[in-house]
Amino acid sequence: METPKYPFEISLLSDEDGPGYLVTFPDLPGCMSDGETVEEAIANGADAEKAWIQAATKWGDAVPEPGSSTKAPGRFVLRTPKSLHAKLTRQADVEGVSMNTLAVAILAEGLGRKQASR
């Protein structure tokens, strides 16, 4: 699975729009995608990101640097116990993704569930 180069936000789609997840890119106005799972939404988001950049380049529009939006998330470093790190590494291998992509997907899915239960 390809991961977007630009910071992105994942949110749970509403019942009338879903089921699934929405991916938006604060640095790329109007760039968004969705998917039934977090993983699918991220992969589709990577495709949308490429298409947005290609269209902007074709039309001579400026392509911002990743992270240039004031709403863009910053760097997030998380220290984990060795046992959790090993489990995450194994699961990332099983799913064929990087550990960072797996961690983003797990966090986004958990946050989506929390927001949906409100």
PDB file of N, CA and C in Angstrom:
ATOM      1  N   MET A   1       0.851  -1.180   0.000  1.00  0.00           N
ATOM      2  CA  MET A   1       0.000   0.000   0.000  1.00  0.00           C
ATOM      3  C   MET A   1       0.892   1.236   0.000  1.00  0.00           C
ATOM      4  N   GLU A   2       0.566   2.155  -0.870  1.00  0.00           N
ATOM      5  CA  GLU A   2       1.312   3.406  -0.923  1.00  0.00           C
ATOM      6  C   GLU A   2       0.742   4.385   0.099  1.00  0.00           C
ATOM      7  N   THR A   3       1.635   5.115   0.757  1.00  0.00           N
ATOM      8  CA  THR A   3       1.238   6.088   1.767  1.00  0.00           C
ATOM      9  C   THR A   3       1.387   7.494   1.187  1.00  0.00           C
ATOM     10  N   PRO A   4       0.412   8.381   1.449  1.00  0.00           N
ATOM     11  CA  PRO A   4       0.539   9.756   0.963  1.00  0.00           C
ATOM     12  C   PRO A   4       1.802  10.444   1.499  1.00  0.00           C
ATOM     13  N   LYS A   5       2.322  11.374   0.715  1.00  0.00           N
ATOM     14  CA  LYS A   5       3.504  12.143   1.127  1.00  0.00           C
ATOM     15  C   LYS A   5       3.111  13.360   1.969  1.00  0.00           C
ATOM     16  N   TYR A   6       1.893  13.838   1.779  1.00  0.00           N
ATOM     17  CA  TYR A   6       1.414  15.023   2.493  1.00  0.00           C
ATOM     18  C   TYR A   6       0.674  14.597   3.763  1.00  0.00           C
ATOM     19  N   PRO A   7       0.695  15.465   4.788  1.00  0.00           N
ATOM     20  CA  PRO A   7      -0.097  15.171   5.985  1.00  0.00           C
ATOM     21  C   PRO A   7      -1.570  15.035   5.610  1.00  0.00           C
ATOM     22  N   PHE A   8      -2.246  14.106   6.257  1.00  0.00           N
ATOM     23  CA  PHE A   8      -3.662  13.903   5.970  1.00  0.00           C
ATOM     24  C   PHE A   8      -4.421  13.683   7.264  1.00  0.00           C
ATOM     25  N   GLU A   9      -5.724  13.889   7.178  1.00  0.00           N
ATOM     26  CA  GLU A   9      -6.607  13.673   8.313  1.00  0.00           C
ATOM     27  C   GLU A   9      -7.630  12.622   7.915  1.00  0.00           C
ATOM     28  N   ILE A  10      -7.950  11.742   8.843  1.00  0.00           N
ATOM     29  CA  ILE A  10      -8.938  10.694   8.594  1.00  0.00           C
ATOM     30  C   ILE A  10     -10.108  10.914   9.536  1.00  0.00           C
ATOM     31  N   SER A  11     -11.313  10.839   8.984  1.00  0.00           N
ATOM     32  CA  SER A  11     -12.508  10.955   9.817  1.00  0.00           C
ATOM     33  C   SER A  11     -13.521   9.905   9.376  1.00  0.00           C
ATOM     34  N   LEU A  12     -14.377   9.550  10.306  1.00  0.00           N
ATOM     35  CA  LEU A  12     -15.424   8.582  10.031  1.00  0.00           C
ATOM     36  C   LEU A  12     -16.506   9.263   9.208  1.00  0.00           C
ATOM     37  N   LEU A  13     -16.954   8.612   8.132  1.00  0.00           N
ATOM     38  CA  LEU A  13     -18.033   9.167   7.329  1.00  0.00           C
ATOM     39  C   LEU A  13     -19.347   9.082   8.105  1.00  0.00           C
ATOM     40  N   SER A  14     -20.230  10.012   7.832  1.00  0.00           N
ATOM     41  CA  SER A  14     -21.547   9.978   8.462  1.00  0.00           C
ATOM     42  C   SER A  14     -22.330   8.784   7.929  1.00  0.00           C
ATOM     43  N   ASP A  15     -23.396   8.411   8.617  1.00  0.00           N
ATOM     44  CA  ASP A  15     -24.215   7.271   8.183  1.00  0.00           C
ATOM     45  C   ASP A  15     -24.737   7.462   6.767  1.00  0.00           C
ATOM     46  N   GLU A  16     -25.138   8.694   6.414  1.00  0.00           N
ATOM     47  CA  GLU A  16     -25.670   8.906   5.076  1.00  0.00           C
ATOM     48  C   GLU A  16     -24.586   8.877   4.000  1.00  0.00           C
ATOM     49  N   ASP A  17     -23.314   9.127   4.367  1.00  0.00           N
ATOM     50  CA  ASP A  17     -22.213   9.090   3.405  1.00  0.00           C
ATOM     51  C   ASP A  17     -21.453   7.770   3.430  1.00  0.00           C
ATOM     52  N   GLY A  18     -21.571   7.021   4.493  1.00  0.00           N
ATOM     53  CA  GLY A  18     -20.738   5.849   4.727  1.00  0.00           C
ATOM     54  C   GLY A  18     -21.393   4.569   4.281  1.00  0.00           C
ATOM     55  N   PRO A  19     -20.912   3.467   4.730  1.00  0.00           N
ATOM     56  CA  PRO A  19     -19.921   3.355   5.796  1.00  0.00           C
ATOM     57  C   PRO A  19     -18.525   3.611   5.251  1.00  0.00           C
ATOM     58  N   GLY A  20     -17.640   3.992   6.115  1.00  0.00           N
ATOM     59  CA  GLY A  20     -16.266   4.168   5.696  1.00  0.00           C
ATOM     60  C   GLY A  20     -15.605   5.367   6.321  1.00  0.00           C
ATOM     61  N   TYR A  21     -14.477   5.743   5.725  1.00  0.00           N
ATOM     62  CA  TYR A  21     -13.622   6.791   6.247  1.00  0.00           C
ATOM     63  C   TYR A  21     -13.290   7.792   5.156  1.00  0.00           C
ATOM     64  N   LEU A  22     -13.162   9.042   5.544  1.00  0.00           N
ATOM     65  CA  LEU A  22     -12.809  10.134   4.641  1.00  0.00           C
ATOM     66  C   LEU A  22     -11.379  10.566   4.940  1.00  0.00           C
ATOM     67  N   VAL A  23     -10.588  10.771   3.891  1.00  0.00           N
ATOM     68  CA  VAL A  23      -9.223  11.275   4.010  1.00  0.00           C
ATOM     69  C   VAL A  23      -9.183  12.644   3.358  1.00  0.00           C
ATOM     70  N   THR A  24      -8.700  13.651   4.088  1.00  0.00           N
ATOM     71  CA  THR A  24      -8.533  14.994   3.538  1.00  0.00           C
ATOM     72  C   THR A  24      -7.089  15.444   3.741  1.00  0.00           C
ATOM     73  N   PHE A  25      -6.661  16.380   2.907  1.00  0.00           N
ATOM     74  CA  PHE A  25      -5.295  16.884   2.928  1.00  0.00           C
ATOM     75  C   PHE A  25      -5.313  18.398   3.173  1.00  0.00           C
ATOM     76  N   PRO A  26      -4.971  18.838   4.387  1.00  0.00           N
ATOM     77  CA  PRO A  26      -5.015  20.268   4.692  1.00  0.00           C
ATOM     78  C   PRO A  26      -4.167  21.132   3.759  1.00  0.00           C
ATOM     79  N   ASP A  27      -3.060  20.580   3.255  1.00  0.00           N
ATOM     80  CA  ASP A  27      -2.174  21.350   2.380  1.00  0.00           C
ATOM     81  C   ASP A  27      -2.670  21.439   0.939  1.00  0.00           C
ATOM     82  N   LEU A  28      -3.599  20.555   0.563  1.00  0.00           N
ATOM     83  CA  LEU A  28      -4.053  20.466  -0.825  1.00  0.00           C
ATOM     84  C   LEU A  28      -5.560  20.721  -0.880  1.00  0.00           C
ATOM     85  N   PRO A  29      -5.964  21.976  -1.052  1.00  0.00           N
ATOM     86  CA  PRO A  29      -7.389  22.318  -1.004  1.00  0.00           C
ATOM     87  C   PRO A  29      -8.238  21.476  -1.955  1.00  0.00           C
ATOM     88  N   GLY A  30      -9.284  20.875  -1.396  1.00  0.00           N
ATOM     89  CA  GLY A  30     -10.197  20.076  -2.196  1.00  0.00           C
ATOM     90  C   GLY A  30      -9.744  18.655  -2.434  1.00  0.00           C
ATOM     91  N   CYS A  31      -8.549  18.296  -2.005  1.00  0.00           N
ATOM     92  CA  CYS A  31      -8.044  16.944  -2.211  1.00  0.00           C
ATOM     93  C   CYS A  31      -8.580  16.046  -1.109  1.00  0.00           C
ATOM     94  N   MET A  32      -9.332  15.022  -1.522  1.00  0.00           N
ATOM     95  CA  MET A  32      -9.895  14.091  -0.550  1.00  0.00           C
ATOM     96  C   MET A  32     -10.204  12.778  -1.226  1.00  0.00           C
ATOM     97  N   SER A  33     -10.403  11.767  -0.416  1.00  0.00           N
ATOM     98  CA  SER A  33     -10.815  10.461  -0.909  1.00  0.00           C
ATOM     99  C   SER A  33     -11.457   9.721   0.249  1.00  0.00           C
ATOM    100  N   ASP A  34     -11.927   8.513  -0.032  1.00  0.00           N
ATOM    101  CA  ASP A  34     -12.534   7.723   1.036  1.00  0.00           C
ATOM    102  C   ASP A  34     -12.280   6.252   0.786  1.00  0.00           C
ATOM    103  N   GLY A  35     -12.731   5.438   1.726  1.00  0.00           N
ATOM    104  CA  GLY A  35     -12.613   3.999   1.602  1.00  0.00           C
ATOM    105  C   GLY A  35     -13.431   3.327   2.678  1.00  0.00           C
ATOM    106  N   GLU A  36     -13.744   2.069   2.459  1.00  0.00           N
ATOM    107  CA  GLU A  36     -14.540   1.336   3.437  1.00  0.00           C
ATOM    108  C   GLU A  36     -13.753   1.058   4.710  1.00  0.00           C
ATOM    109  N   THR A  37     -12.428   0.902   4.598  1.00  0.00           N
ATOM    110  CA  THR A  37     -11.562   0.696   5.760  1.00  0.00           C
ATOM    111  C   THR A  37     -10.565   1.843   5.816  1.00  0.00           C
ATOM    112  N   VAL A  38      -9.914   1.984   6.956  1.00  0.00           N
ATOM    113  CA  VAL A  38      -8.887   3.028   7.084  1.00  0.00           C
ATOM    114  C   VAL A  38      -7.782   2.787   6.066  1.00  0.00           C
ATOM    115  N   GLU A  39      -7.371   1.533   5.934  1.00  0.00           N
ATOM    116  CA  GLU A  39      -6.292   1.207   5.003  1.00  0.00           C
ATOM    117  C   GLU A  39      -6.666   1.568   3.566  1.00  0.00           C
ATOM    118  N   GLU A  40      -7.900   1.235   3.177  1.00  0.00           N
ATOM    119  CA  GLU A  40      -8.364   1.552   1.830  1.00  0.00           C
ATOM    120  C   GLU A  40      -8.446   3.060   1.632  1.00  0.00           C
ATOM    121  N   ALA A  41      -8.910   3.780   2.650  1.00  0.00           N
ATOM    122  CA  ALA A  41      -9.002   5.239   2.556  1.00  0.00           C
ATOM    123  C   ALA A  41      -7.614   5.863   2.371  1.00  0.00           C
ATOM    124  N   ILE A  42      -6.618   5.357   3.096  1.00  0.00           N
ATOM    125  CA  ILE A  42      -5.254   5.881   2.968  1.00  0.00           C
ATOM    126  C   ILE A  42      -4.700   5.592   1.575  1.00  0.00           C
ATOM    127  N   ALA A  43      -4.902   4.378   1.083  1.00  0.00           N
ATOM    128  CA  ALA A  43      -4.417   4.026  -0.268  1.00  0.00           C
ATOM    129  C   ALA A  43      -5.104   4.887  -1.326  1.00  0.00           C
ATOM    130  N   ASN A  44      -6.415   5.060  -1.204  1.00  0.00           N
ATOM    131  CA  ASN A  44      -7.143   5.913  -2.149  1.00  0.00           C
ATOM    132  C   ASN A  44      -6.697   7.366  -2.020  1.00  0.00           C
ATOM    133  N   GLY A  45      -6.372   7.778  -0.793  1.00  0.00           N
ATOM    134  CA  GLY A  45      -5.867   9.129  -0.572  1.00  0.00           C
ATOM    135  C   GLY A  45      -4.547   9.363  -1.284  1.00  0.00           C
ATOM    136  N   ALA A  46      -3.681   8.347  -1.294  1.00  0.00           N
ATOM    137  CA  ALA A  46      -2.401   8.472  -2.008  1.00  0.00           C
ATOM    138  C   ALA A  46      -2.649   8.699  -3.499  1.00  0.00           C
ATOM    139  N   ASP A  47      -3.643   8.003  -4.056  1.00  0.00           N
ATOM    140  CA  ASP A  47      -3.999   8.209  -5.470  1.00  0.00           C
ATOM    141  C   ASP A  47      -4.545   9.617  -5.700  1.00  0.00           C
ATOM    142  N   ALA A  48      -5.409  10.076  -4.790  1.00  0.00           N
ATOM    143  CA  ALA A  48      -5.987  11.424  -4.921  1.00  0.00           C
ATOM    144  C   ALA A  48      -4.893  12.491  -4.827  1.00  0.00           C
ATOM    145  N   GLU A  49      -3.951  12.279  -3.926  1.00  0.00           N
ATOM    146  CA  GLU A  49      -2.827  13.212  -3.769  1.00  0.00           C
ATOM    147  C   GLU A  49      -2.045  13.337  -5.076  1.00  0.00           C
ATOM    148  N   LYS A  50      -1.725  12.203  -5.694  1.00  0.00           N
ATOM    149  CA  LYS A  50      -0.995  12.217  -6.971  1.00  0.00           C
ATOM    150  C   LYS A  50      -1.783  12.962  -8.045  1.00  0.00           C
ATOM    151  N   ALA A  51      -3.074  12.660  -8.120  1.00  0.00           N
ATOM    152  CA  ALA A  51      -3.916  13.304  -9.137  1.00  0.00           C
ATOM    153  C   ALA A  51      -3.993  14.810  -8.908  1.00  0.00           C
ATOM    154  N   TRP A  52      -4.100  15.238  -7.647  1.00  0.00           N
ATOM    155  CA  TRP A  52      -4.179  16.664  -7.325  1.00  0.00           C
ATOM    156  C   TRP A  52      -2.900  17.364  -7.779  1.00  0.00           C
ATOM    157  N   ILE A  53      -1.756  16.762  -7.453  1.00  0.00           N
ATOM    158  CA  ILE A  53      -0.463  17.364  -7.816  1.00  0.00           C
ATOM    159  C   ILE A  53      -0.297  17.404  -9.334  1.00  0.00           C
ATOM    160  N   GLN A  54      -0.693  16.337 -10.033  1.00  0.00           N
ATOM    161  CA  GLN A  54      -0.600  16.317 -11.498  1.00  0.00           C
ATOM    162  C   GLN A  54      -1.468  17.402 -12.119  1.00  0.00           C
ATOM    163  N   ALA A  55      -2.691  17.551 -11.605  1.00  0.00           N
ATOM    164  CA  ALA A  55      -3.590  18.576 -12.148  1.00  0.00           C
ATOM    165  C   ALA A  55      -3.048  19.978 -11.882  1.00  0.00           C
ATOM    166  N   ALA A  56      -2.560  20.212 -10.673  1.00  0.00           N
ATOM    167  CA  ALA A  56      -2.006  21.540 -10.346  1.00  0.00           C
ATOM    168  C   ALA A  56      -0.813  21.855 -11.236  1.00  0.00           C
ATOM    169  N   THR A  57       0.049  20.874 -11.437  1.00  0.00           N
ATOM    170  CA  THR A  57       1.230  21.060 -12.285  1.00  0.00           C
ATOM    171  C   THR A  57       0.814  21.338 -13.733  1.00  0.00           C
ATOM    172  N   LYS A  58      -0.170  20.568 -14.219  1.00  0.00           N
ATOM    173  CA  LYS A  58      -0.651  20.742 -15.589  1.00  0.00           C
ATOM    174  C   LYS A  58      -1.192  22.147 -15.820  1.00  0.00           C
ATOM    175  N   TRP A  59      -1.924  22.691 -14.842  1.00  0.00           N
ATOM    176  CA  TRP A  59      -2.549  23.999 -14.991  1.00  0.00           C
ATOM    177  C   TRP A  59      -1.672  25.143 -14.496  1.00  0.00           C
ATOM    178  N   GLY A  60      -0.447  24.835 -14.090  1.00  0.00           N
ATOM    179  CA  GLY A  60       0.483  25.878 -13.661  1.00  0.00           C
ATOM    180  C   GLY A  60       0.188  26.445 -12.280  1.00  0.00           C
ATOM    181  N   ASP A  61      -0.587  25.716 -11.483  1.00  0.00           N
ATOM    182  CA  ASP A  61      -0.877  26.167 -10.124  1.00  0.00           C
ATOM    183  C   ASP A  61       0.267  25.775  -9.198  1.00  0.00           C
ATOM    184  N   ALA A  62       0.437  26.544  -8.133  1.00  0.00           N
ATOM    185  CA  ALA A  62       1.490  26.261  -7.163  1.00  0.00           C
ATOM    186  C   ALA A  62       1.166  24.969  -6.408  1.00  0.00           C
ATOM    187  N   VAL A  63       2.191  24.177  -6.189  1.00  0.00           N
ATOM    188  CA  VAL A  63       2.060  22.968  -5.374  1.00  0.00           C
ATOM    189  C   VAL A  63       2.776  23.257  -4.055  1.00  0.00           C
ATOM    190  N   PRO A  64       2.022  23.323  -2.961  1.00  0.00           N
ATOM    191  CA  PRO A  64       2.640  23.671  -1.678  1.00  0.00           C
ATOM    192  C   PRO A  64       3.570  22.566  -1.170  1.00  0.00           C
ATOM    193  N   GLU A  65       4.468  22.944  -0.288  1.00  0.00           N
ATOM    194  CA  GLU A  65       5.337  21.972   0.365  1.00  0.00           C
ATOM    195  C   GLU A  65       4.522  21.178   1.381  1.00  0.00           C
ATOM    196  N   PRO A  66       4.824  19.892   1.556  1.00  0.00           N
ATOM    197  CA  PRO A  66       4.116  19.123   2.589  1.00  0.00           C
ATOM    198  C   PRO A  66       4.270  19.778   3.962  1.00  0.00           C
ATOM    199  N   GLY A  67       3.163  19.877   4.678  1.00  0.00           N
ATOM    200  CA  GLY A  67       3.192  20.457   6.017  1.00  0.00           C
ATOM    201  C   GLY A  67       3.102  21.970   6.043  1.00  0.00           C
ATOM    202  N   SER A  68       2.835  22.600   4.888  1.00  0.00           N
ATOM    203  CA  SER A  68       2.822  24.064   4.839  1.00  0.00           C
ATOM    204  C   SER A  68       1.530  24.668   5.381  1.00  0.00           C
ATOM    205  N   SER A  69       0.480  23.866   5.491  1.00  0.00           N
ATOM    206  CA  SER A  69      -0.794  24.358   6.008  1.00  0.00           C
ATOM    207  C   SER A  69      -0.693  24.585   7.510  1.00  0.00           C
ATOM    208  N   THR A  70      -1.350  25.622   7.981  1.00  0.00           N
ATOM    209  CA  THR A  70      -1.342  25.878   9.421  1.00  0.00           C
ATOM    210  C   THR A  70      -2.093  24.801  10.171  1.00  0.00           C
ATOM    211  N   LYS A  71      -2.999  24.078   9.460  1.00  0.00           N
ATOM    212  CA  LYS A  71      -3.750  23.008  10.103  1.00  0.00           C
ATOM    213  C   LYS A  71      -3.014  21.672  10.038  1.00  0.00           C
ATOM    214  N   ALA A  72      -1.879  21.638   9.345  1.00  0.00           N
ATOM    215  CA  ALA A  72      -1.186  20.364   9.176  1.00  0.00           C
ATOM    216  C   ALA A  72      -0.643  19.855  10.501  1.00  0.00           C
ATOM    217  N   PRO A  73      -0.766  18.549  10.739  1.00  0.00           N
ATOM    218  CA  PRO A  73      -0.251  17.991  11.985  1.00  0.00           C
ATOM    219  C   PRO A  73       1.262  18.022  12.013  1.00  0.00           C
ATOM    220  N   GLY A  74       1.820  18.058  13.197  1.00  0.00           N
ATOM    221  CA  GLY A  74       3.268  18.056  13.360  1.00  0.00           C
ATOM    222  C   GLY A  74       3.800  16.650  13.509  1.00  0.00           C
ATOM    223  N   ARG A  75       5.032  16.572  13.824  1.00  0.00           N
ATOM    224  CA  ARG A  75       5.688  15.276  14.024  1.00  0.00           C
ATOM    225  C   ARG A  75       5.206  14.676  15.342  1.00  0.00           C
ATOM    226  N   PHE A  76       5.005  13.389  15.340  1.00  0.00           N
ATOM    227  CA  PHE A  76       4.506  12.680  16.501  1.00  0.00           C
ATOM    228  C   PHE A  76       5.413  11.480  16.738  1.00  0.00           C
ATOM    229  N   VAL A  77       6.096  11.453  17.863  1.00  0.00           N
ATOM    230  CA  VAL A  77       6.984  10.347  18.199  1.00  0.00           C
ATOM    231  C   VAL A  77       6.376   9.617  19.381  1.00  0.00           C
ATOM    232  N   LEU A  78       6.295   8.305  19.272  1.00  0.00           N
ATOM    233  CA  LEU A  78       5.682   7.502  20.320  1.00  0.00           C
ATOM    234  C   LEU A  78       6.648   6.405  20.723  1.00  0.00           C
ATOM    235  N   ARG A  79       6.978   6.356  21.988  1.00  0.00           N
ATOM    236  CA  ARG A  79       7.846   5.297  22.495  1.00  0.00           C
ATOM    237  C   ARG A  79       6.956   4.163  23.002  1.00  0.00           C
ATOM    238  N   THR A  80       7.296   2.947  22.628  1.00  0.00           N
ATOM    239  CA  THR A  80       6.489   1.794  23.022  1.00  0.00           C
ATOM    240  C   THR A  80       7.380   0.754  23.704  1.00  0.00           C
ATOM    241  N   PRO A  81       6.787  -0.070  24.539  1.00  0.00           N
ATOM    242  CA  PRO A  81       7.555  -1.187  25.099  1.00  0.00           C
ATOM    243  C   PRO A  81       8.026  -2.111  23.974  1.00  0.00           C
ATOM    244  N   LYS A  82       9.126  -2.800  24.202  1.00  0.00           N
ATOM    245  CA  LYS A  82       9.678  -3.696  23.171  1.00  0.00           C
ATOM    246  C   LYS A  82       8.652  -4.724  22.712  1.00  0.00           C
ATOM    247  N   SER A  83       7.861  -5.242  23.644  1.00  0.00           N
ATOM    248  CA  SER A  83       6.884  -6.280  23.274  1.00  0.00           C
ATOM    249  C   SER A  83       5.821  -5.721  22.327  1.00  0.00           C
ATOM    250  N   LEU A  84       5.347  -4.505  22.568  1.00  0.00           N
ATOM    251  CA  LEU A  84       4.357  -3.890  21.682  1.00  0.00           C
ATOM    252  C   LEU A  84       4.985  -3.575  20.333  1.00  0.00           C
ATOM    253  N   HIS A  85       6.209  -3.085  20.337  1.00  0.00           N
ATOM    254  CA  HIS A  85       6.921  -2.788  19.093  1.00  0.00           C
ATOM    255  C   HIS A  85       7.033  -4.053  18.247  1.00  0.00           C
ATOM    256  N   ALA A  86       7.366  -5.169  18.883  1.00  0.00           N
ATOM    257  CA  ALA A  86       7.495  -6.439  18.154  1.00  0.00           C
ATOM    258  C   ALA A  86       6.155  -6.859  17.556  1.00  0.00           C
ATOM    259  N   LYS A  87       5.065  -6.712  18.310  1.00  0.00           N
ATOM    260  CA  LYS A  87       3.737  -7.067  17.800  1.00  0.00           C
ATOM    261  C   LYS A  87       3.346  -6.175  16.620  1.00  0.00           C
ATOM    262  N   LEU A  88       3.614  -4.881  16.740  1.00  0.00           N
ATOM    263  CA  LEU A  88       3.305  -3.959  15.645  1.00  0.00           C
ATOM    264  C   LEU A  88       4.122  -4.300  14.399  1.00  0.00           C
ATOM    265  N   THR A  89       5.378  -4.629  14.588  1.00  0.00           N
ATOM    266  CA  THR A  89       6.243  -4.994  13.466  1.00  0.00           C
ATOM    267  C   THR A  89       5.711  -6.240  12.755  1.00  0.00           C
ATOM    268  N   ARG A  90       5.327  -7.252  13.531  1.00  0.00           N
ATOM    269  CA  ARG A  90       4.791  -8.478  12.928  1.00  0.00           C
ATOM    270  C   ARG A  90       3.501  -8.198  12.167  1.00  0.00           C
ATOM    271  N   GLN A  91       2.607  -7.394  12.772  1.00  0.00           N
ATOM    272  CA  GLN A  91       1.331  -7.103  12.117  1.00  0.00           C
ATOM    273  C   GLN A  91       1.547  -6.293  10.836  1.00  0.00           C
ATOM    274  N   ALA A  92       2.469  -5.344  10.864  1.00  0.00           N
ATOM    275  CA  ALA A  92       2.779  -4.553   9.667  1.00  0.00           C
ATOM    276  C   ALA A  92       3.298  -5.469   8.558  1.00  0.00           C
ATOM    277  N   ASP A  93       4.125  -6.442   8.916  1.00  0.00           N
ATOM    278  CA  ASP A  93       4.632  -7.401   7.927  1.00  0.00           C
ATOM    279  C   ASP A  93       3.489  -8.228   7.332  1.00  0.00           C
ATOM    280  N   VAL A  94       2.574  -8.683   8.198  1.00  0.00           N
ATOM    281  CA  VAL A  94       1.426  -9.475   7.735  1.00  0.00           C
ATOM    282  C   VAL A  94       0.598  -8.675   6.739  1.00  0.00           C
ATOM    283  N   GLU A  95       0.391  -7.381   7.029  1.00  0.00           N
ATOM    284  CA  GLU A  95      -0.454  -6.537   6.181  1.00  0.00           C
ATOM    285  C   GLU A  95       0.309  -5.926   5.009  1.00  0.00           C
ATOM    286  N   GLY A  96       1.621  -6.066   5.004  1.00  0.00           N
ATOM    287  CA  GLY A  96       2.423  -5.547   3.898  1.00  0.00           C
ATOM    288  C   GLY A  96       2.520  -4.029   3.867  1.00  0.00           C
ATOM    289  N   VAL A  97       2.532  -3.416   5.061  1.00  0.00           N
ATOM    290  CA  VAL A  97       2.630  -1.958   5.156  1.00  0.00           C
ATOM    291  C   VAL A  97       3.760  -1.604   6.108  1.00  0.00           C
ATOM    292  N   SER A  98       4.146  -0.331   6.123  1.00  0.00           N
ATOM    293  CA  SER A  98       5.142   0.112   7.087  1.00  0.00           C
ATOM    294  C   SER A  98       4.516   0.168   8.475  1.00  0.00           C
ATOM    295  N   MET A  99       5.346   0.151   9.484  1.00  0.00           N
ATOM    296  CA  MET A  99       4.822   0.244  10.841  1.00  0.00           C
ATOM    297  C   MET A  99       4.162   1.606  11.058  1.00  0.00           C
ATOM    298  N   ASN A 100       4.677   2.657  10.450  1.00  0.00           N
ATOM    299  CA  ASN A 100       4.053   3.978  10.568  1.00  0.00           C
ATOM    300  C   ASN A 100       2.648   3.971   9.980  1.00  0.00           C
ATOM    301  N   THR A 101       2.481   3.358   8.809  1.00  0.00           N
ATOM    302  CA  THR A 101       1.156   3.286   8.184  1.00  0.00           C
ATOM    303  C   THR A 101       0.202   2.489   9.059  1.00  0.00           C
ATOM    304  N   LEU A 102       0.684   1.367   9.604  1.00  0.00           N
ATOM    305  CA  LEU A 102      -0.157   0.563  10.485  1.00  0.00           C
ATOM    306  C   LEU A 102      -0.568   1.371  11.713  1.00  0.00           C
ATOM    307  N   ALA A 103       0.382   2.084  12.321  1.00  0.00           N
ATOM    308  CA  ALA A 103       0.076   2.877  13.519  1.00  0.00           C
ATOM    309  C   ALA A 103      -0.941   3.972  13.206  1.00  0.00           C
ATOM    310  N   VAL A 104      -0.796   4.639  12.081  1.00  0.00           N
ATOM    311  CA  VAL A 104      -1.756   5.671  11.681  1.00  0.00           C
ATOM    312  C   VAL A 104      -3.137   5.058  11.501  1.00  0.00           C
ATOM    313  N   ALA A 105      -3.202   3.903  10.848  1.00  0.00           N
ATOM    314  CA  ALA A 105      -4.489   3.248  10.614  1.00  0.00           C
ATOM    315  C   ALA A 105      -5.148   2.845  11.929  1.00  0.00           C
ATOM    316  N   ILE A 106      -4.378   2.291  12.852  1.00  0.00           N
ATOM    317  CA  ILE A 106      -4.928   1.870  14.147  1.00  0.00           C
ATOM    318  C   ILE A 106      -5.404   3.078  14.944  1.00  0.00           C
ATOM    319  N   LEU A 107      -4.612   4.136  14.972  1.00  0.00           N
ATOM    320  CA  LEU A 107      -5.012   5.349  15.697  1.00  0.00           C
ATOM    321  C   LEU A 107      -6.261   5.972  15.076  1.00  0.00           C
ATOM    322  N   ALA A 108      -6.286   6.057  13.754  1.00  0.00           N
ATOM    323  CA  ALA A 108      -7.438   6.667  13.078  1.00  0.00           C
ATOM    324  C   ALA A 108      -8.707   5.855  13.306  1.00  0.00           C
ATOM    325  N   GLU A 109      -8.589   4.536  13.244  1.00  0.00           N
ATOM    326  CA  GLU A 109      -9.751   3.683  13.463  1.00  0.00           C
ATOM    327  C   GLU A 109     -10.260   3.837  14.888  1.00  0.00           C
ATOM    328  N   GLY A 110      -9.362   3.861  15.855  1.00  0.00           N
ATOM    329  CA  GLY A 110      -9.769   4.039  17.247  1.00  0.00           C
ATOM    330  C   GLY A 110     -10.410   5.402  17.478  1.00  0.00           C
ATOM    331  N   LEU A 111      -9.841   6.439  16.897  1.00  0.00           N
ATOM    332  CA  LEU A 111     -10.413   7.781  17.037  1.00  0.00           C
ATOM    333  C   LEU A 111     -11.765   7.855  16.364  1.00  0.00           C
ATOM    334  N   GLY A 112     -11.896   7.242  15.197  1.00  0.00           N
ATOM    335  CA  GLY A 112     -13.191   7.219  14.492  1.00  0.00           C
ATOM    336  C   GLY A 112     -14.258   6.542  15.327  1.00  0.00           C
ATOM    337  N   ARG A 113     -13.915   5.422  15.964  1.00  0.00           N
ATOM    338  CA  ARG A 113     -14.879   4.744  16.834  1.00  0.00           C
ATOM    339  C   ARG A 113     -15.265   5.597  18.032  1.00  0.00           C
ATOM    340  N   LYS A 114     -14.287   6.258  18.605  1.00  0.00           N
ATOM    341  CA  LYS A 114     -14.557   7.123  19.767  1.00  0.00           C
ATOM    342  C   LYS A 114     -15.491   8.276  19.375  1.00  0.00           C
ATOM    343  N   GLN A 115     -15.212   8.909  18.222  1.00  0.00           N
ATOM    344  CA  GLN A 115     -16.051  10.023  17.762  1.00  0.00           C
ATOM    345  C   GLN A 115     -17.446   9.548  17.394  1.00  0.00           C
ATOM    346  N   ALA A 116     -17.556   8.334  16.845  1.00  0.00           N
ATOM    347  CA  ALA A 116     -18.866   7.810  16.451  1.00  0.00           C
ATOM    348  C   ALA A 116     -19.724   7.474  17.670  1.00  0.00           C
ATOM    349  N   SER A 117     -19.080   7.164  18.795  1.00  0.00           N
ATOM    350  CA  SER A 117     -19.845   6.788  19.976  1.00  0.00           C
ATOM    351  C   SER A 117     -20.364   8.001  20.756  1.00  0.00           C
ATOM    352  N   ARG A 118     -19.978   9.178  20.351  1.00  0.00           N
ATOM    353  CA  ARG A 118     -20.416  10.395  21.073  1.00  0.00           C
ATOM    354  C   ARG A 118     -21.837  10.720  20.769  1.00  0.00           C
TER     355      ARG A 118
END
